Amino acid sequence: MVAKLELANVSDAVVLKALSMEAFTPDFEQYGGFPPGVDDIDWHLDQIKTEHYYKIFYNDELAGEF
């Protein structure tokens, strides 16, 4: 079992948005909304361009982001 981090790039934004929304669906169901930005593709693009936005891989499969 191997975990690794990789910087996200602009071409990852759509997949990372979908992954984030899936991960935060229980929050949406419980509180009626997602955390700020999670459901906005522009937020993900801005994070990729201006922050350190990483993809998390587990056994070579995309498992999350931060």
PDB file of N, CA and C in Angstrom:
ATOM      1  N   MET A   1       0.837  -1.173   0.000  1.00  0.00           N
ATOM      2  CA  MET A   1       0.000   0.000   0.000  1.00  0.00           C
ATOM      3  C   MET A   1       0.884   1.239   0.000  1.00  0.00           C
ATOM      4  N   VAL A   2       0.683   2.082  -0.995  1.00  0.00           N
ATOM      5  CA  VAL A   2       1.511   3.257  -1.150  1.00  0.00           C
ATOM      6  C   VAL A   2       0.637   4.494  -1.322  1.00  0.00           C
ATOM      7  N   ALA A   3       0.943   5.529  -0.582  1.00  0.00           N
ATOM      8  CA  ALA A   3       0.261   6.817  -0.736  1.00  0.00           C
ATOM      9  C   ALA A   3       1.272   7.813  -1.273  1.00  0.00           C
ATOM     10  N   LYS A   4       0.807   8.714  -2.145  1.00  0.00           N
ATOM     11  CA  LYS A   4       1.694   9.761  -2.645  1.00  0.00           C
ATOM     12  C   LYS A   4       0.882  11.014  -2.941  1.00  0.00           C
ATOM     13  N   LEU A   5       1.568  12.144  -2.949  1.00  0.00           N
ATOM     14  CA  LEU A   5       0.979  13.441  -3.271  1.00  0.00           C
ATOM     15  C   LEU A   5       1.559  13.922  -4.589  1.00  0.00           C
ATOM     16  N   GLU A   6       0.731  14.630  -5.348  1.00  0.00           N
ATOM     17  CA  GLU A   6       1.169  15.196  -6.616  1.00  0.00           C
ATOM     18  C   GLU A   6       0.448  16.533  -6.792  1.00  0.00           C
ATOM     19  N   LEU A   7       1.174  17.558  -7.197  1.00  0.00           N
ATOM     20  CA  LEU A   7       0.526  18.843  -7.439  1.00  0.00           C
ATOM     21  C   LEU A   7      -0.537  18.698  -8.515  1.00  0.00           C
ATOM     22  N   ALA A   8      -1.689  19.296  -8.265  1.00  0.00           N
ATOM     23  CA  ALA A   8      -2.767  19.294  -9.249  1.00  0.00           C
ATOM     24  C   ALA A   8      -2.457  20.298 -10.347  1.00  0.00           C
ATOM     25  N   ASN A   9      -2.998  20.056 -11.529  1.00  0.00           N
ATOM     26  CA  ASN A   9      -2.876  21.022 -12.611  1.00  0.00           C
ATOM     27  C   ASN A   9      -4.265  21.339 -13.143  1.00  0.00           C
ATOM     28  N   VAL A  10      -4.348  22.337 -14.011  1.00  0.00           N
ATOM     29  CA  VAL A  10      -5.628  22.836 -14.493  1.00  0.00           C
ATOM     30  C   VAL A  10      -6.478  21.723 -15.103  1.00  0.00           C
ATOM     31  N   SER A  11      -5.866  20.789 -15.770  1.00  0.00           N
ATOM     32  CA  SER A  11      -6.633  19.707 -16.393  1.00  0.00           C
ATOM     33  C   SER A  11      -7.268  18.769 -15.360  1.00  0.00           C
ATOM     34  N   ASP A  12      -6.894  18.882 -14.100  1.00  0.00           N
ATOM     35  CA  ASP A  12      -7.459  18.047 -13.036  1.00  0.00           C
ATOM     36  C   ASP A  12      -8.701  18.660 -12.400  1.00  0.00           C
ATOM     37  N   ALA A  13      -9.009  19.901 -12.698  1.00  0.00           N
ATOM     38  CA  ALA A  13     -10.045  20.642 -11.972  1.00  0.00           C
ATOM     39  C   ALA A  13     -11.407  19.958 -11.987  1.00  0.00           C
ATOM     40  N   VAL A  14     -11.850  19.488 -13.127  1.00  0.00           N
ATOM     41  CA  VAL A  14     -13.184  18.879 -13.224  1.00  0.00           C
ATOM     42  C   VAL A  14     -13.264  17.616 -12.365  1.00  0.00           C
ATOM     43  N   VAL A  15     -12.247  16.794 -12.436  1.00  0.00           N
ATOM     44  CA  VAL A  15     -12.235  15.556 -11.653  1.00  0.00           C
ATOM     45  C   VAL A  15     -12.156  15.868 -10.165  1.00  0.00           C
ATOM     46  N   LEU A  16     -11.345  16.835  -9.786  1.00  0.00           N
ATOM     47  CA  LEU A  16     -11.209  17.176  -8.372  1.00  0.00           C
ATOM     48  C   LEU A  16     -12.485  17.799  -7.827  1.00  0.00           C
ATOM     49  N   LYS A  17     -13.177  18.584  -8.643  1.00  0.00           N
ATOM     50  CA  LYS A  17     -14.467  19.140  -8.216  1.00  0.00           C
ATOM     51  C   LYS A  17     -15.450  18.007  -7.956  1.00  0.00           C
ATOM     52  N   ALA A  18     -15.550  17.061  -8.869  1.00  0.00           N
ATOM     53  CA  ALA A  18     -16.469  15.938  -8.707  1.00  0.00           C
ATOM     54  C   ALA A  18     -16.119  15.114  -7.470  1.00  0.00           C
ATOM     55  N   LEU A  19     -14.839  14.879  -7.264  1.00  0.00           N
ATOM     56  CA  LEU A  19     -14.386  14.126  -6.105  1.00  0.00           C
ATOM     57  C   LEU A  19     -14.733  14.857  -4.810  1.00  0.00           C
ATOM     58  N   SER A  20     -14.543  16.175  -4.797  1.00  0.00           N
ATOM     59  CA  SER A  20     -14.864  16.979  -3.616  1.00  0.00           C
ATOM     60  C   SER A  20     -16.352  16.941  -3.312  1.00  0.00           C
ATOM     61  N   MET A  21     -17.159  17.079  -4.361  1.00  0.00           N
ATOM     62  CA  MET A  21     -18.607  17.071  -4.149  1.00  0.00           C
ATOM     63  C   MET A  21     -19.072  15.711  -3.629  1.00  0.00           C
ATOM     64  N   GLU A  22     -18.483  14.652  -4.142  1.00  0.00           N
ATOM     65  CA  GLU A  22     -18.827  13.317  -3.649  1.00  0.00           C
ATOM     66  C   GLU A  22     -18.442  13.172  -2.176  1.00  0.00           C
ATOM     67  N   ALA A  23     -17.266  13.642  -1.836  1.00  0.00           N
ATOM     68  CA  ALA A  23     -16.782  13.522  -0.462  1.00  0.00           C
ATOM     69  C   ALA A  23     -17.629  14.342   0.512  1.00  0.00           C
ATOM     70  N   PHE A  24     -18.141  15.472   0.061  1.00  0.00           N
ATOM     71  CA  PHE A  24     -18.899  16.356   0.946  1.00  0.00           C
ATOM     72  C   PHE A  24     -20.411  16.208   0.798  1.00  0.00           C
ATOM     73  N   THR A  25     -20.880  15.209   0.068  1.00  0.00           N
ATOM     74  CA  THR A  25     -22.324  14.984  -0.057  1.00  0.00           C
ATOM     75  C   THR A  25     -22.994  14.768   1.303  1.00  0.00           C
ATOM     76  N   PRO A  26     -22.387  14.020   2.233  1.00  0.00           N
ATOM     77  CA  PRO A  26     -23.030  13.904   3.556  1.00  0.00           C
ATOM     78  C   PRO A  26     -23.201  15.266   4.246  1.00  0.00           C
ATOM     79  N   ASP A  27     -22.245  16.168   4.088  1.00  0.00           N
ATOM     80  CA  ASP A  27     -22.392  17.512   4.657  1.00  0.00           C
ATOM     81  C   ASP A  27     -23.564  18.237   3.998  1.00  0.00           C
ATOM     82  N   PHE A  28     -23.661  18.111   2.670  1.00  0.00           N
ATOM     83  CA  PHE A  28     -24.761  18.743   1.948  1.00  0.00           C
ATOM     84  C   PHE A  28     -26.100  18.222   2.457  1.00  0.00           C
ATOM     85  N   GLU A  29     -26.191  16.898   2.613  1.00  0.00           N
ATOM     86  CA  GLU A  29     -27.437  16.295   3.072  1.00  0.00           C
ATOM     87  C   GLU A  29     -27.781  16.698   4.505  1.00  0.00           C
ATOM     88  N   GLN A  30     -26.756  16.845   5.344  1.00  0.00           N
ATOM     89  CA  GLN A  30     -27.005  17.195   6.749  1.00  0.00           C
ATOM     90  C   GLN A  30     -27.216  18.688   6.947  1.00  0.00           C
ATOM     91  N   TYR A  31     -26.424  19.536   6.235  1.00  0.00           N
ATOM     92  CA  TYR A  31     -26.449  20.974   6.496  1.00  0.00           C
ATOM     93  C   TYR A  31     -27.052  21.808   5.375  1.00  0.00           C
ATOM     94  N   GLY A  32     -27.361  21.177   4.242  1.00  0.00           N
ATOM     95  CA  GLY A  32     -27.992  21.907   3.148  1.00  0.00           C
ATOM     96  C   GLY A  32     -27.034  22.649   2.242  1.00  0.00           C
ATOM     97  N   GLY A  33     -25.752  22.398   2.360  1.00  0.00           N
ATOM     98  CA  GLY A  33     -24.789  23.056   1.487  1.00  0.00           C
ATOM     99  C   GLY A  33     -23.421  22.418   1.585  1.00  0.00           C
ATOM    100  N   PHE A  34     -22.620  22.712   0.577  1.00  0.00           N
ATOM    101  CA  PHE A  34     -21.236  22.248   0.563  1.00  0.00           C
ATOM    102  C   PHE A  34     -20.352  23.282   1.248  1.00  0.00           C
ATOM    103  N   PRO A  35     -19.148  22.903   1.680  1.00  0.00           N
ATOM    104  CA  PRO A  35     -18.200  23.901   2.160  1.00  0.00           C
ATOM    105  C   PRO A  35     -17.957  24.938   1.051  1.00  0.00           C
ATOM    106  N   PRO A  36     -17.626  26.157   1.412  1.00  0.00           N
ATOM    107  CA  PRO A  36     -17.443  27.214   0.406  1.00  0.00           C
ATOM    108  C   PRO A  36     -16.484  26.808  -0.710  1.00  0.00           C
ATOM    109  N   GLY A  37     -16.960  26.960  -1.948  1.00  0.00           N
ATOM    110  CA  GLY A  37     -16.132  26.736  -3.121  1.00  0.00           C
ATOM    111  C   GLY A  37     -16.152  25.343  -3.703  1.00  0.00           C
ATOM    112  N   VAL A  38     -16.504  24.345  -2.917  1.00  0.00           N
ATOM    113  CA  VAL A  38     -16.406  22.962  -3.363  1.00  0.00           C
ATOM    114  C   VAL A  38     -17.215  22.708  -4.637  1.00  0.00           C
ATOM    115  N   ASP A  39     -18.341  23.375  -4.778  1.00  0.00           N
ATOM    116  CA  ASP A  39     -19.215  23.131  -5.933  1.00  0.00           C
ATOM    117  C   ASP A  39     -18.983  24.112  -7.088  1.00  0.00           C
ATOM    118  N   ASP A  40     -17.883  24.850  -7.029  1.00  0.00           N
ATOM    119  CA  ASP A  40     -17.588  25.879  -8.039  1.00  0.00           C
ATOM    120  C   ASP A  40     -16.275  25.550  -8.763  1.00  0.00           C
ATOM    121  N   ILE A  41     -16.367  25.280 -10.062  1.00  0.00           N
ATOM    122  CA  ILE A  41     -15.169  24.928 -10.829  1.00  0.00           C
ATOM    123  C   ILE A  41     -14.130  26.039 -10.788  1.00  0.00           C
ATOM    124  N   ASP A  42     -14.575  27.295 -10.778  1.00  0.00           N
ATOM    125  CA  ASP A  42     -13.628  28.406 -10.718  1.00  0.00           C
ATOM    126  C   ASP A  42     -12.843  28.418  -9.414  1.00  0.00           C
ATOM    127  N   TRP A  43     -13.470  27.998  -8.321  1.00  0.00           N
ATOM    128  CA  TRP A  43     -12.755  27.918  -7.049  1.00  0.00           C
ATOM    129  C   TRP A  43     -11.619  26.910  -7.157  1.00  0.00           C
ATOM    130  N   HIS A  44     -11.898  25.747  -7.738  1.00  0.00           N
ATOM    131  CA  HIS A  44     -10.864  24.720  -7.893  1.00  0.00           C
ATOM    132  C   HIS A  44      -9.738  25.228  -8.800  1.00  0.00           C
ATOM    133  N   LEU A  45     -10.098  25.885  -9.892  1.00  0.00           N
ATOM    134  CA  LEU A  45      -9.075  26.432 -10.792  1.00  0.00           C
ATOM    135  C   LEU A  45      -8.219  27.471 -10.075  1.00  0.00           C
ATOM    136  N   ASP A  46      -8.849  28.339  -9.295  1.00  0.00           N
ATOM    137  CA  ASP A  46      -8.094  29.341  -8.540  1.00  0.00           C
ATOM    138  C   ASP A  46      -7.158  28.685  -7.539  1.00  0.00           C
ATOM    139  N   GLN A  47      -7.625  27.644  -6.856  1.00  0.00           N
ATOM    140  CA  GLN A  47      -6.772  26.944  -5.894  1.00  0.00           C
ATOM    141  C   GLN A  47      -5.573  26.314  -6.588  1.00  0.00           C
ATOM    142  N   ILE A  48      -5.808  25.739  -7.752  1.00  0.00           N
ATOM    143  CA  ILE A  48      -4.719  25.112  -8.503  1.00  0.00           C
ATOM    144  C   ILE A  48      -3.707  26.160  -8.941  1.00  0.00           C
ATOM    145  N   LYS A  49      -4.191  27.312  -9.386  1.00  0.00           N
ATOM    146  CA  LYS A  49      -3.309  28.350  -9.924  1.00  0.00           C
ATOM    147  C   LYS A  49      -2.585  29.147  -8.848  1.00  0.00           C
ATOM    148  N   THR A  50      -3.182  29.307  -7.682  1.00  0.00           N
ATOM    149  CA  THR A  50      -2.607  30.220  -6.693  1.00  0.00           C
ATOM    150  C   THR A  50      -2.181  29.573  -5.380  1.00  0.00           C
ATOM    151  N   GLU A  51      -2.556  28.340  -5.174  1.00  0.00           N
ATOM    152  CA  GLU A  51      -2.246  27.682  -3.909  1.00  0.00           C
ATOM    153  C   GLU A  51      -1.471  26.397  -4.168  1.00  0.00           C
ATOM    154  N   HIS A  52      -1.209  25.698  -3.135  1.00  0.00           N
ATOM    155  CA  HIS A  52      -0.606  24.375  -3.244  1.00  0.00           C
ATOM    156  C   HIS A  52      -1.746  23.372  -3.134  1.00  0.00           C
ATOM    157  N   TYR A  53      -2.282  22.978  -4.260  1.00  0.00           N
ATOM    158  CA  TYR A  53      -3.437  22.087  -4.331  1.00  0.00           C
ATOM    159  C   TYR A  53      -2.928  20.734  -4.820  1.00  0.00           C
ATOM    160  N   TYR A  54      -3.045  19.741  -3.966  1.00  0.00           N
ATOM    161  CA  TYR A  54      -2.457  18.440  -4.243  1.00  0.00           C
ATOM    162  C   TYR A  54      -3.517  17.380  -4.503  1.00  0.00           C
ATOM    163  N   LYS A  55      -3.156  16.426  -5.340  1.00  0.00           N
ATOM    164  CA  LYS A  55      -3.945  15.219  -5.514  1.00  0.00           C
ATOM    165  C   LYS A  55      -3.331  14.158  -4.610  1.00  0.00           C
ATOM    166  N   ILE A  56      -4.182  13.354  -4.019  1.00  0.00           N
ATOM    167  CA  ILE A  56      -3.733  12.259  -3.166  1.00  0.00           C
ATOM    168  C   ILE A  56      -3.989  10.948  -3.899  1.00  0.00           C
ATOM    169  N   PHE A  57      -2.947  10.165  -4.025  1.00  0.00           N
ATOM    170  CA  PHE A  57      -3.070   8.856  -4.654  1.00  0.00           C
ATOM    171  C   PHE A  57      -2.838   7.783  -3.595  1.00  0.00           C
ATOM    172  N   TYR A  58      -3.608   6.719  -3.700  1.00  0.00           N
ATOM    173  CA  TYR A  58      -3.431   5.558  -2.839  1.00  0.00           C
ATOM    174  C   TYR A  58      -3.383   4.346  -3.745  1.00  0.00           C
ATOM    175  N   ASN A  59      -2.266   3.652  -3.738  1.00  0.00           N
ATOM    176  CA  ASN A  59      -2.042   2.520  -4.650  1.00  0.00           C
ATOM    177  C   ASN A  59      -2.313   2.927  -6.099  1.00  0.00           C
ATOM    178  N   ASP A  60      -1.790   4.071  -6.487  1.00  0.00           N
ATOM    179  CA  ASP A  60      -1.891   4.609  -7.843  1.00  0.00           C
ATOM    180  C   ASP A  60      -3.306   4.979  -8.281  1.00  0.00           C
ATOM    181  N   GLU A  61      -4.254   5.059  -7.355  1.00  0.00           N
ATOM    182  CA  GLU A  61      -5.610   5.515  -7.677  1.00  0.00           C
ATOM    183  C   GLU A  61      -5.859   6.838  -6.978  1.00  0.00           C
ATOM    184  N   LEU A  62      -6.500   7.770  -7.687  1.00  0.00           N
ATOM    185  CA  LEU A  62      -6.832   9.067  -7.105  1.00  0.00           C
ATOM    186  C   LEU A  62      -7.800   8.844  -5.955  1.00  0.00           C
ATOM    187  N   ALA A  63      -7.413   9.307  -4.780  1.00  0.00           N
ATOM    188  CA  ALA A  63      -8.214   9.068  -3.579  1.00  0.00           C
ATOM    189  C   ALA A  63      -8.743  10.359  -2.955  1.00  0.00           C
ATOM    190  N   GLY A  64      -8.189  11.500  -3.328  1.00  0.00           N
ATOM    191  CA  GLY A  64      -8.635  12.753  -2.727  1.00  0.00           C
ATOM    192  C   GLY A  64      -7.759  13.901  -3.145  1.00  0.00           C
ATOM    193  N   GLU A  65      -8.010  15.051  -2.505  1.00  0.00           N
ATOM    194  CA  GLU A  65      -7.223  16.237  -2.781  1.00  0.00           C
ATOM    195  C   GLU A  65      -7.167  17.105  -1.543  1.00  0.00           C
ATOM    196  N   PHE A  66      -6.181  17.975  -1.515  1.00  0.00           N
ATOM    197  CA  PHE A  66      -6.109  19.004  -0.471  1.00  0.00           C
ATOM    198  C   PHE A  66      -5.239  20.122  -0.958  1.00  0.00           C
TER     199      PHE A  66
END
